[in-house]
Amino acid sequence: VLGATALQAIDFSISKKYQALEGTGLSAGFKFNAIVGLVSAVFAFVLCGFQIEFSWFSLLIALGTSGFGVIYSVLGFRVLKAGNVAVYSTFLMSGGMLLPYLFGLVFLDETVTVLRVLGILLILGAVLLSNRSKERVPVKMLILCICIFLLNGLVSVLSKCHQIGVEFKPVDST
């Protein structure tokens, strides 16, 4: 968890630095995502033993994931322009945790447990606490954060569908 937190902080720092150099426009967002995508593809290719696996299902999941990811990244640049990394990261990460679980409850018959409910309450508490600053969060930024919450949540839902969708013969999740 500490390693993931450190890497997430580095990710936000790089995003903030890039945004300061390149701006927060649509072209800056696409360029950033293209660079991140290329680097990620090279890492994934190496980690998968220099093999590429493919299925139409995985292609559709990848298109949805990258589409949602690009949109929330561009919106994130707008939020980071205002300088509030805590609010952005809280909405981003909580969407990625809450929506897949709720999806599992509704569509995959996952069980409700005391620890899962406690986890949801802690996540919601973090969202509320991150918005208790002395200055009021503008409505426009709150709307952007809610969109980021939903889009990153959808990325995680698609990832979950890819990992469990054995009837569609997904590629290796590694």
N, C-alpha and C. Protein backbone atom coordinates (compact mmCIF):
# COMPACT_ATOMS: atom_id res chain seq x y z
N VAL A 1 0.83 -1.19 0.00
CA VAL A 1 0.00 0.00 0.00
C VAL A 1 0.88 1.26 0.00
N LEU A 2 1.94 1.23 0.78
CA LEU A 2 2.84 2.39 0.81
C LEU A 2 3.51 2.60 -0.55
N GLY A 3 3.90 1.52 -1.19
CA GLY A 3 4.51 1.62 -2.51
C GLY A 3 3.54 2.20 -3.53
N ALA A 4 2.29 1.73 -3.50
CA ALA A 4 1.27 2.25 -4.41
C ALA A 4 1.00 3.72 -4.15
N THR A 5 0.98 4.09 -2.87
CA THR A 5 0.76 5.50 -2.51
C THR A 5 1.90 6.37 -3.03
N ALA A 6 3.12 5.89 -2.87
CA ALA A 6 4.29 6.64 -3.35
C ALA A 6 4.24 6.78 -4.88
N LEU A 7 3.94 5.69 -5.56
CA LEU A 7 3.86 5.75 -7.03
C LEU A 7 2.73 6.67 -7.49
N GLN A 8 1.61 6.65 -6.77
CA GLN A 8 0.49 7.54 -7.11
C GLN A 8 0.90 9.00 -6.93
N ALA A 9 1.64 9.30 -5.87
CA ALA A 9 2.12 10.66 -5.63
C ALA A 9 3.07 11.09 -6.74
N ILE A 10 3.94 10.19 -7.16
CA ILE A 10 4.86 10.49 -8.27
C ILE A 10 4.07 10.74 -9.54
N ASP A 11 3.03 9.92 -9.78
CA ASP A 11 2.19 10.10 -10.95
C ASP A 11 1.53 11.48 -10.96
N PHE A 12 0.98 11.89 -9.83
CA PHE A 12 0.34 13.20 -9.75
C PHE A 12 1.37 14.31 -9.93
N SER A 13 2.56 14.13 -9.40
CA SER A 13 3.61 15.14 -9.54
C SER A 13 4.02 15.29 -11.01
N ILE A 14 4.16 14.17 -11.69
CA ILE A 14 4.50 14.21 -13.12
C ILE A 14 3.38 14.88 -13.91
N SER A 15 2.14 14.52 -13.60
CA SER A 15 1.00 15.14 -14.29
C SER A 15 0.97 16.64 -14.07
N LYS A 16 1.20 17.06 -12.84
CA LYS A 16 1.19 18.49 -12.50
C LYS A 16 2.32 19.22 -13.23
N LYS A 17 3.51 18.62 -13.27
CA LYS A 17 4.66 19.23 -13.96
C LYS A 17 4.38 19.32 -15.46
N TYR A 18 3.84 18.23 -16.03
CA TYR A 18 3.51 18.23 -17.45
C TYR A 18 2.47 19.31 -17.75
N GLN A 19 1.46 19.40 -16.88
CA GLN A 19 0.41 20.41 -17.07
C GLN A 19 0.99 21.82 -17.03
N ALA A 20 1.97 22.04 -16.16
CA ALA A 20 2.60 23.37 -16.07
C ALA A 20 3.39 23.69 -17.34
N LEU A 21 4.01 22.66 -17.93
CA LEU A 21 4.80 22.87 -19.14
C LEU A 21 3.96 22.96 -20.41
N GLU A 22 2.95 22.08 -20.50
CA GLU A 22 2.19 21.95 -21.75
C GLU A 22 0.80 22.55 -21.72
N GLY A 23 0.30 22.89 -20.54
CA GLY A 23 -1.04 23.44 -20.43
C GLY A 23 -2.06 22.37 -20.12
N THR A 24 -3.33 22.77 -20.13
CA THR A 24 -4.41 21.87 -19.76
C THR A 24 -5.39 21.63 -20.90
N GLY A 25 -4.99 21.98 -22.10
CA GLY A 25 -5.88 21.83 -23.24
C GLY A 25 -6.06 20.39 -23.69
N LEU A 26 -6.96 20.23 -24.63
CA LEU A 26 -7.27 18.90 -25.16
C LEU A 26 -6.06 18.26 -25.83
N SER A 27 -5.30 19.02 -26.60
CA SER A 27 -4.13 18.45 -27.27
C SER A 27 -3.06 18.04 -26.26
N ALA A 28 -2.90 18.82 -25.18
CA ALA A 28 -1.94 18.45 -24.14
C ALA A 28 -2.37 17.15 -23.47
N GLY A 29 -3.67 16.99 -23.24
CA GLY A 29 -4.19 15.77 -22.64
C GLY A 29 -3.98 14.56 -23.52
N PHE A 30 -4.25 14.71 -24.82
CA PHE A 30 -4.05 13.59 -25.75
C PHE A 30 -2.57 13.23 -25.87
N LYS A 31 -1.73 14.25 -25.92
CA LYS A 31 -0.28 14.00 -26.03
C LYS A 31 0.22 13.26 -24.78
N PHE A 32 -0.21 13.71 -23.61
CA PHE A 32 0.19 13.07 -22.37
C PHE A 32 -0.24 11.60 -22.36
N ASN A 33 -1.48 11.35 -22.73
CA ASN A 33 -1.99 9.98 -22.74
C ASN A 33 -1.30 9.12 -23.80
N ALA A 34 -0.92 9.71 -24.92
CA ALA A 34 -0.19 8.96 -25.94
C ALA A 34 1.18 8.52 -25.42
N ILE A 35 1.86 9.43 -24.73
CA ILE A 35 3.18 9.11 -24.18
C ILE A 35 3.04 8.03 -23.10
N VAL A 36 2.10 8.21 -22.18
CA VAL A 36 1.89 7.22 -21.12
C VAL A 36 1.49 5.88 -21.72
N GLY A 37 0.63 5.89 -22.72
CA GLY A 37 0.20 4.65 -23.37
C GLY A 37 1.35 3.93 -24.04
N LEU A 38 2.21 4.67 -24.71
CA LEU A 38 3.36 4.05 -25.38
C LEU A 38 4.32 3.43 -24.38
N VAL A 39 4.63 4.16 -23.32
CA VAL A 39 5.52 3.64 -22.28
C VAL A 39 4.89 2.40 -21.63
N SER A 40 3.60 2.48 -21.33
CA SER A 40 2.90 1.34 -20.72
C SER A 40 2.89 0.13 -21.64
N ALA A 41 2.69 0.36 -22.93
CA ALA A 41 2.68 -0.75 -23.89
C ALA A 41 4.03 -1.45 -23.94
N VAL A 42 5.10 -0.68 -23.91
CA VAL A 42 6.44 -1.26 -23.93
C VAL A 42 6.66 -2.09 -22.67
N PHE A 43 6.29 -1.54 -21.49
CA PHE A 43 6.42 -2.29 -20.24
C PHE A 43 5.59 -3.57 -20.28
N ALA A 44 4.35 -3.47 -20.74
CA ALA A 44 3.47 -4.65 -20.79
C ALA A 44 4.05 -5.70 -21.73
N PHE A 45 4.58 -5.28 -22.86
CA PHE A 45 5.16 -6.20 -23.83
C PHE A 45 6.34 -6.96 -23.21
N VAL A 46 7.18 -6.23 -22.49
CA VAL A 46 8.33 -6.87 -21.82
C VAL A 46 7.85 -7.81 -20.72
N LEU A 47 6.91 -7.34 -19.88
CA LEU A 47 6.41 -8.16 -18.77
C LEU A 47 5.69 -9.42 -19.24
N CYS A 48 5.11 -9.38 -20.42
CA CYS A 48 4.39 -10.55 -20.95
C CYS A 48 5.31 -11.45 -21.78
N GLY A 49 6.61 -11.29 -21.61
CA GLY A 49 7.55 -12.18 -22.29
C GLY A 49 7.64 -11.92 -23.79
N PHE A 50 7.48 -10.68 -24.21
CA PHE A 50 7.57 -10.28 -25.61
C PHE A 50 6.53 -11.00 -26.47
N GLN A 51 5.35 -11.22 -25.91
CA GLN A 51 4.24 -11.84 -26.62
C GLN A 51 3.04 -10.90 -26.59
N ILE A 52 2.26 -10.96 -27.65
CA ILE A 52 1.03 -10.17 -27.71
C ILE A 52 -0.14 -11.14 -27.82
N GLU A 53 -1.07 -11.04 -26.88
CA GLU A 53 -2.29 -11.84 -26.94
C GLU A 53 -3.42 -10.92 -27.39
N PHE A 54 -4.39 -11.49 -28.09
CA PHE A 54 -5.45 -10.67 -28.66
C PHE A 54 -6.75 -11.45 -28.69
N SER A 55 -7.84 -10.77 -28.38
CA SER A 55 -9.19 -11.27 -28.63
C SER A 55 -10.04 -10.04 -28.92
N TRP A 56 -11.15 -10.24 -29.61
CA TRP A 56 -12.02 -9.11 -29.91
C TRP A 56 -12.59 -8.51 -28.62
N PHE A 57 -12.86 -9.37 -27.66
CA PHE A 57 -13.36 -8.89 -26.37
C PHE A 57 -12.32 -8.00 -25.70
N SER A 58 -11.06 -8.44 -25.69
CA SER A 58 -10.02 -7.62 -25.05
C SER A 58 -9.81 -6.31 -25.81
N LEU A 59 -9.98 -6.33 -27.13
CA LEU A 59 -9.86 -5.10 -27.90
C LEU A 59 -10.97 -4.11 -27.51
N LEU A 60 -12.19 -4.60 -27.38
CA LEU A 60 -13.30 -3.72 -26.99
C LEU A 60 -13.08 -3.18 -25.57
N ILE A 61 -12.62 -4.03 -24.67
CA ILE A 61 -12.34 -3.58 -23.31
C ILE A 61 -11.23 -2.52 -23.34
N ALA A 62 -10.19 -2.76 -24.13
CA ALA A 62 -9.07 -1.80 -24.22
C ALA A 62 -9.54 -0.47 -24.80
N LEU A 63 -10.40 -0.50 -25.80
CA LEU A 63 -10.92 0.75 -26.38
C LEU A 63 -11.75 1.52 -25.36
N GLY A 64 -12.61 0.82 -24.63
CA GLY A 64 -13.41 1.48 -23.60
C GLY A 64 -12.55 2.04 -22.49
N THR A 65 -11.60 1.23 -22.04
CA THR A 65 -10.71 1.65 -20.97
C THR A 65 -9.89 2.87 -21.37
N SER A 66 -9.31 2.83 -22.55
CA SER A 66 -8.49 3.97 -22.98
C SER A 66 -9.35 5.20 -23.25
N GLY A 67 -10.53 5.01 -23.79
CA GLY A 67 -11.42 6.16 -24.03
C GLY A 67 -11.80 6.86 -22.74
N PHE A 68 -12.26 6.05 -21.76
CA PHE A 68 -12.61 6.63 -20.47
C PHE A 68 -11.38 7.25 -19.80
N GLY A 69 -10.24 6.57 -19.92
CA GLY A 69 -9.01 7.06 -19.31
C GLY A 69 -8.55 8.39 -19.87
N VAL A 70 -8.63 8.53 -21.18
CA VAL A 70 -8.24 9.80 -21.81
C VAL A 70 -9.16 10.93 -21.34
N ILE A 71 -10.45 10.64 -21.29
CA ILE A 71 -11.40 11.69 -20.89
C ILE A 71 -11.15 12.10 -19.44
N TYR A 72 -10.99 11.12 -18.53
CA TYR A 72 -10.79 11.53 -17.13
C TYR A 72 -9.43 12.18 -16.93
N SER A 73 -8.46 11.83 -17.75
CA SER A 73 -7.16 12.47 -17.65
C SER A 73 -7.23 13.93 -18.08
N VAL A 74 -7.91 14.20 -19.18
CA VAL A 74 -8.07 15.58 -19.66
C VAL A 74 -8.85 16.40 -18.63
N LEU A 75 -9.92 15.81 -18.08
CA LEU A 75 -10.68 16.50 -17.04
C LEU A 75 -9.82 16.72 -15.80
N GLY A 76 -8.97 15.74 -15.49
CA GLY A 76 -8.07 15.84 -14.35
C GLY A 76 -7.09 16.99 -14.50
N PHE A 77 -6.63 17.24 -15.73
CA PHE A 77 -5.76 18.38 -15.97
C PHE A 77 -6.46 19.68 -15.58
N ARG A 78 -7.74 19.76 -15.87
CA ARG A 78 -8.50 20.97 -15.51
C ARG A 78 -8.58 21.13 -13.99
N VAL A 79 -8.81 20.01 -13.30
CA VAL A 79 -8.89 20.06 -11.83
C VAL A 79 -7.52 20.41 -11.25
N LEU A 80 -6.46 19.79 -11.77
CA LEU A 80 -5.12 20.06 -11.26
C LEU A 80 -4.69 21.49 -11.54
N LYS A 81 -5.25 22.09 -12.58
CA LYS A 81 -4.94 23.49 -12.87
C LYS A 81 -5.35 24.37 -11.69
N ALA A 82 -6.44 24.00 -11.04
CA ALA A 82 -6.89 24.73 -9.86
C ALA A 82 -6.01 24.43 -8.65
N GLY A 83 -5.18 23.38 -8.76
CA GLY A 83 -4.20 23.09 -7.73
C GLY A 83 -4.64 22.16 -6.62
N ASN A 84 -5.84 21.61 -6.69
CA ASN A 84 -6.32 20.79 -5.60
C ASN A 84 -6.12 19.30 -5.89
N VAL A 85 -4.91 18.82 -5.62
CA VAL A 85 -4.55 17.44 -5.87
C VAL A 85 -5.29 16.49 -4.94
N ALA A 86 -5.53 16.90 -3.69
CA ALA A 86 -6.19 16.04 -2.72
C ALA A 86 -7.61 15.69 -3.17
N VAL A 87 -8.35 16.69 -3.62
CA VAL A 87 -9.72 16.45 -4.07
C VAL A 87 -9.71 15.56 -5.31
N TYR A 88 -8.84 15.87 -6.26
CA TYR A 88 -8.75 15.09 -7.49
C TYR A 88 -8.42 13.63 -7.20
N SER A 89 -7.39 13.40 -6.41
CA SER A 89 -6.96 12.02 -6.16
C SER A 89 -8.00 11.24 -5.37
N THR A 90 -8.70 11.90 -4.47
CA THR A 90 -9.73 11.21 -3.69
C THR A 90 -10.88 10.76 -4.58
N PHE A 91 -11.35 11.63 -5.45
CA PHE A 91 -12.44 11.27 -6.35
C PHE A 91 -11.97 10.20 -7.35
N LEU A 92 -10.77 10.36 -7.86
CA LEU A 92 -10.23 9.41 -8.84
C LEU A 92 -10.16 8.01 -8.23
N MET A 93 -9.52 7.89 -7.09
CA MET A 93 -9.31 6.57 -6.49
C MET A 93 -10.59 5.98 -5.93
N SER A 94 -11.45 6.80 -5.35
CA SER A 94 -12.68 6.25 -4.78
C SER A 94 -13.61 5.73 -5.87
N GLY A 95 -13.65 6.37 -7.02
CA GLY A 95 -14.45 5.85 -8.13
C GLY A 95 -13.94 4.50 -8.60
N GLY A 96 -12.62 4.37 -8.64
CA GLY A 96 -12.02 3.11 -9.06
C GLY A 96 -12.23 1.98 -8.08
N MET A 97 -12.56 2.31 -6.83
CA MET A 97 -12.80 1.28 -5.82
C MET A 97 -14.30 1.00 -5.63
N LEU A 98 -15.11 2.04 -5.61
CA LEU A 98 -16.53 1.86 -5.31
C LEU A 98 -17.34 1.28 -6.47
N LEU A 99 -17.18 1.82 -7.65
CA LEU A 99 -18.03 1.38 -8.75
C LEU A 99 -17.87 -0.10 -9.12
N PRO A 100 -16.65 -0.65 -9.14
CA PRO A 100 -16.56 -2.08 -9.44
C PRO A 100 -17.24 -2.95 -8.38
N TYR A 101 -17.15 -2.52 -7.12
CA TYR A 101 -17.81 -3.30 -6.07
C TYR A 101 -19.32 -3.23 -6.22
N LEU A 102 -19.84 -2.03 -6.46
CA LEU A 102 -21.29 -1.89 -6.65
C LEU A 102 -21.75 -2.66 -7.89
N PHE A 103 -20.94 -2.64 -8.95
CA PHE A 103 -21.23 -3.42 -10.15
C PHE A 103 -21.31 -4.91 -9.80
N GLY A 104 -20.36 -5.37 -9.00
CA GLY A 104 -20.35 -6.77 -8.57
C GLY A 104 -21.57 -7.13 -7.75
N LEU A 105 -22.00 -6.22 -6.87
CA LEU A 105 -23.20 -6.47 -6.08
C LEU A 105 -24.44 -6.61 -6.96
N VAL A 106 -24.57 -5.71 -7.91
CA VAL A 106 -25.78 -5.66 -8.72
C VAL A 106 -25.79 -6.75 -9.80
N PHE A 107 -24.65 -6.97 -10.48
CA PHE A 107 -24.65 -7.84 -11.64
C PHE A 107 -23.95 -9.19 -11.44
N LEU A 108 -23.14 -9.31 -10.41
CA LEU A 108 -22.34 -10.53 -10.27
C LEU A 108 -22.63 -11.29 -8.98
N ASP A 109 -23.67 -10.91 -8.28
CA ASP A 109 -24.09 -11.58 -7.05
C ASP A 109 -22.97 -11.66 -6.00
N GLU A 110 -22.16 -10.62 -5.90
CA GLU A 110 -21.15 -10.58 -4.85
C GLU A 110 -21.85 -10.34 -3.52
N THR A 111 -21.22 -10.80 -2.47
CA THR A 111 -21.85 -10.73 -1.15
C THR A 111 -21.50 -9.42 -0.44
N VAL A 112 -22.40 -9.03 0.44
CA VAL A 112 -22.18 -7.88 1.30
C VAL A 112 -21.63 -8.42 2.62
N THR A 113 -20.50 -7.87 3.04
CA THR A 113 -19.92 -8.26 4.32
C THR A 113 -19.70 -7.02 5.17
N VAL A 114 -19.51 -7.22 6.44
CA VAL A 114 -19.28 -6.10 7.36
C VAL A 114 -18.03 -5.33 6.94
N LEU A 115 -16.95 -6.04 6.59
CA LEU A 115 -15.71 -5.36 6.21
C LEU A 115 -15.88 -4.56 4.92
N ARG A 116 -16.64 -5.07 3.99
CA ARG A 116 -16.86 -4.34 2.73
C ARG A 116 -17.68 -3.08 2.97
N VAL A 117 -18.70 -3.19 3.80
CA VAL A 117 -19.50 -2.01 4.15
C VAL A 117 -18.64 -0.99 4.87
N LEU A 118 -17.80 -1.46 5.79
CA LEU A 118 -16.88 -0.57 6.50
C LEU A 118 -15.93 0.10 5.51
N GLY A 119 -15.44 -0.65 4.55
CA GLY A 119 -14.56 -0.08 3.52
C GLY A 119 -15.26 1.01 2.73
N ILE A 120 -16.50 0.77 2.34
CA ILE A 120 -17.27 1.78 1.60
C ILE A 120 -17.45 3.03 2.45
N LEU A 121 -17.78 2.84 3.72
CA LEU A 121 -17.95 4.00 4.60
C LEU A 121 -16.66 4.79 4.76
N LEU A 122 -15.53 4.09 4.85
CA LEU A 122 -14.24 4.77 4.94
C LEU A 122 -13.93 5.56 3.66
N ILE A 123 -14.24 4.97 2.51
CA ILE A 123 -14.01 5.67 1.24
C ILE A 123 -14.88 6.91 1.16
N LEU A 124 -16.16 6.76 1.49
CA LEU A 124 -17.06 7.92 1.46
C LEU A 124 -16.63 8.98 2.47
N GLY A 125 -16.16 8.54 3.63
CA GLY A 125 -15.64 9.49 4.62
C GLY A 125 -14.45 10.25 4.09
N ALA A 126 -13.57 9.56 3.36
CA ALA A 126 -12.40 10.23 2.77
C ALA A 126 -12.83 11.29 1.76
N VAL A 127 -13.85 10.96 0.97
CA VAL A 127 -14.35 11.93 -0.01
C VAL A 127 -14.89 13.16 0.71
N LEU A 128 -15.67 12.93 1.75
CA LEU A 128 -16.24 14.06 2.50
C LEU A 128 -15.16 14.88 3.19
N LEU A 129 -14.20 14.21 3.82
CA LEU A 129 -13.14 14.93 4.52
C LEU A 129 -12.24 15.72 3.56
N SER A 130 -12.03 15.20 2.36
CA SER A 130 -11.17 15.91 1.41
C SER A 130 -11.83 17.18 0.89
N ASN A 131 -13.13 17.30 1.08
CA ASN A 131 -13.84 18.48 0.60
C ASN A 131 -14.17 19.46 1.72
N ARG A 132 -13.56 19.31 2.88
CA ARG A 132 -13.83 20.19 4.02
C ARG A 132 -12.76 21.27 4.14
N SER A 133 -12.34 21.82 3.03
CA SER A 133 -11.33 22.86 3.09
C SER A 133 -11.97 24.19 3.51
N LYS A 134 -11.12 25.14 3.86
CA LYS A 134 -11.62 26.45 4.29
C LYS A 134 -12.26 27.20 3.12
N GLU A 135 -11.72 26.96 1.94
CA GLU A 135 -12.31 27.61 0.77
C GLU A 135 -13.33 26.67 0.13
N ARG A 136 -14.33 27.25 -0.43
CA ARG A 136 -15.40 26.46 -1.04
C ARG A 136 -14.95 25.94 -2.40
N VAL A 137 -15.23 24.67 -2.66
CA VAL A 137 -14.89 24.06 -3.95
C VAL A 137 -15.91 24.56 -4.97
N PRO A 138 -15.44 25.16 -6.06
CA PRO A 138 -16.38 25.64 -7.08
C PRO A 138 -17.21 24.50 -7.66
N VAL A 139 -18.45 24.80 -8.00
CA VAL A 139 -19.38 23.80 -8.54
C VAL A 139 -18.80 23.15 -9.79
N LYS A 140 -18.17 23.95 -10.66
CA LYS A 140 -17.59 23.41 -11.89
C LYS A 140 -16.53 22.34 -11.57
N MET A 141 -15.70 22.60 -10.57
CA MET A 141 -14.67 21.63 -10.21
C MET A 141 -15.30 20.39 -9.59
N LEU A 142 -16.35 20.56 -8.80
CA LEU A 142 -17.03 19.43 -8.20
C LEU A 142 -17.66 18.55 -9.28
N ILE A 143 -18.23 19.16 -10.30
CA ILE A 143 -18.81 18.41 -11.42
C ILE A 143 -17.72 17.63 -12.15
N LEU A 144 -16.57 18.29 -12.39
CA LEU A 144 -15.44 17.60 -13.03
C LEU A 144 -14.98 16.41 -12.19
N CYS A 145 -14.92 16.60 -10.87
CA CYS A 145 -14.49 15.52 -9.98
C CYS A 145 -15.48 14.36 -9.99
N ILE A 146 -16.76 14.66 -10.05
CA ILE A 146 -17.77 13.59 -10.12
C ILE A 146 -17.63 12.83 -11.44
N CYS A 147 -17.37 13.56 -12.52
CA CYS A 147 -17.14 12.90 -13.82
C CYS A 147 -15.90 12.00 -13.75
N ILE A 148 -14.85 12.48 -13.11
CA ILE A 148 -13.62 11.70 -12.94
C ILE A 148 -13.91 10.46 -12.11
N PHE A 149 -14.69 10.61 -11.04
CA PHE A 149 -15.10 9.49 -10.20
C PHE A 149 -15.79 8.42 -11.06
N LEU A 150 -16.77 8.85 -11.86
CA LEU A 150 -17.53 7.90 -12.69
C LEU A 150 -16.67 7.27 -13.78
N LEU A 151 -15.86 8.07 -14.46
CA LEU A 151 -15.04 7.55 -15.56
C LEU A 151 -13.98 6.57 -15.07
N ASN A 152 -13.28 6.90 -13.99
CA ASN A 152 -12.29 5.96 -13.46
C ASN A 152 -12.98 4.72 -12.91
N GLY A 153 -14.16 4.90 -12.34
CA GLY A 153 -14.94 3.75 -11.89
C GLY A 153 -15.30 2.84 -13.05
N LEU A 154 -15.67 3.43 -14.18
CA LEU A 154 -15.99 2.63 -15.37
C LEU A 154 -14.76 1.90 -15.91
N VAL A 155 -13.61 2.55 -15.82
CA VAL A 155 -12.36 1.87 -16.21
C VAL A 155 -12.17 0.62 -15.36
N SER A 156 -12.40 0.75 -14.06
CA SER A 156 -12.23 -0.38 -13.16
C SER A 156 -13.30 -1.45 -13.38
N VAL A 157 -14.51 -1.04 -13.72
CA VAL A 157 -15.57 -2.01 -14.04
C VAL A 157 -15.19 -2.79 -15.30
N LEU A 158 -14.69 -2.10 -16.32
CA LEU A 158 -14.26 -2.80 -17.54
C LEU A 158 -13.12 -3.76 -17.24
N SER A 159 -12.18 -3.34 -16.41
CA SER A 159 -11.08 -4.21 -16.03
C SER A 159 -11.60 -5.46 -15.32
N LYS A 160 -12.56 -5.26 -14.45
CA LYS A 160 -13.16 -6.39 -13.73
C LYS A 160 -13.86 -7.33 -14.71
N CYS A 161 -14.60 -6.76 -15.65
CA CYS A 161 -15.29 -7.59 -16.67
C CYS A 161 -14.27 -8.38 -17.49
N HIS A 162 -13.15 -7.76 -17.79
CA HIS A 162 -12.13 -8.45 -18.57
C HIS A 162 -11.53 -9.61 -17.79
N GLN A 163 -11.33 -9.42 -16.52
CA GLN A 163 -10.72 -10.47 -15.70
C GLN A 163 -11.66 -11.62 -15.41
N ILE A 164 -12.97 -11.36 -15.33
CA ILE A 164 -13.90 -12.43 -14.99
C ILE A 164 -14.62 -12.99 -16.20
N GLY A 165 -14.51 -12.33 -17.35
CA GLY A 165 -15.29 -12.72 -18.53
C GLY A 165 -14.73 -13.93 -19.24
N VAL A 166 -14.67 -15.07 -18.56
CA VAL A 166 -14.06 -16.26 -19.18
C VAL A 166 -14.84 -16.76 -20.38
N GLU A 167 -16.14 -16.45 -20.43
CA GLU A 167 -16.90 -16.90 -21.60
C GLU A 167 -16.47 -16.16 -22.88
N PHE A 168 -15.77 -15.04 -22.73
CA PHE A 168 -15.31 -14.28 -23.87
C PHE A 168 -13.84 -14.54 -24.18
N LYS A 169 -13.23 -15.47 -23.45
CA LYS A 169 -11.83 -15.81 -23.64
C LYS A 169 -10.93 -14.57 -23.61
N PRO A 170 -10.87 -13.88 -22.45
CA PRO A 170 -9.99 -12.71 -22.38
C PRO A 170 -8.53 -13.12 -22.45
N VAL A 171 -7.71 -12.20 -22.80
CA VAL A 171 -6.27 -12.47 -22.82
C VAL A 171 -5.75 -12.48 -21.39
N ASP A 172 -4.53 -12.91 -21.22
CA ASP A 172 -3.91 -12.98 -19.91
C ASP A 172 -3.92 -11.59 -19.26
N SER A 173 -4.41 -11.50 -18.04
CA SER A 173 -4.53 -10.22 -17.36
C SER A 173 -3.21 -9.67 -16.87
N THR A 174 -2.16 -10.49 -16.87
CA THR A 174 -0.88 -10.02 -16.37
C THR A 174 -0.43 -8.80 -17.12
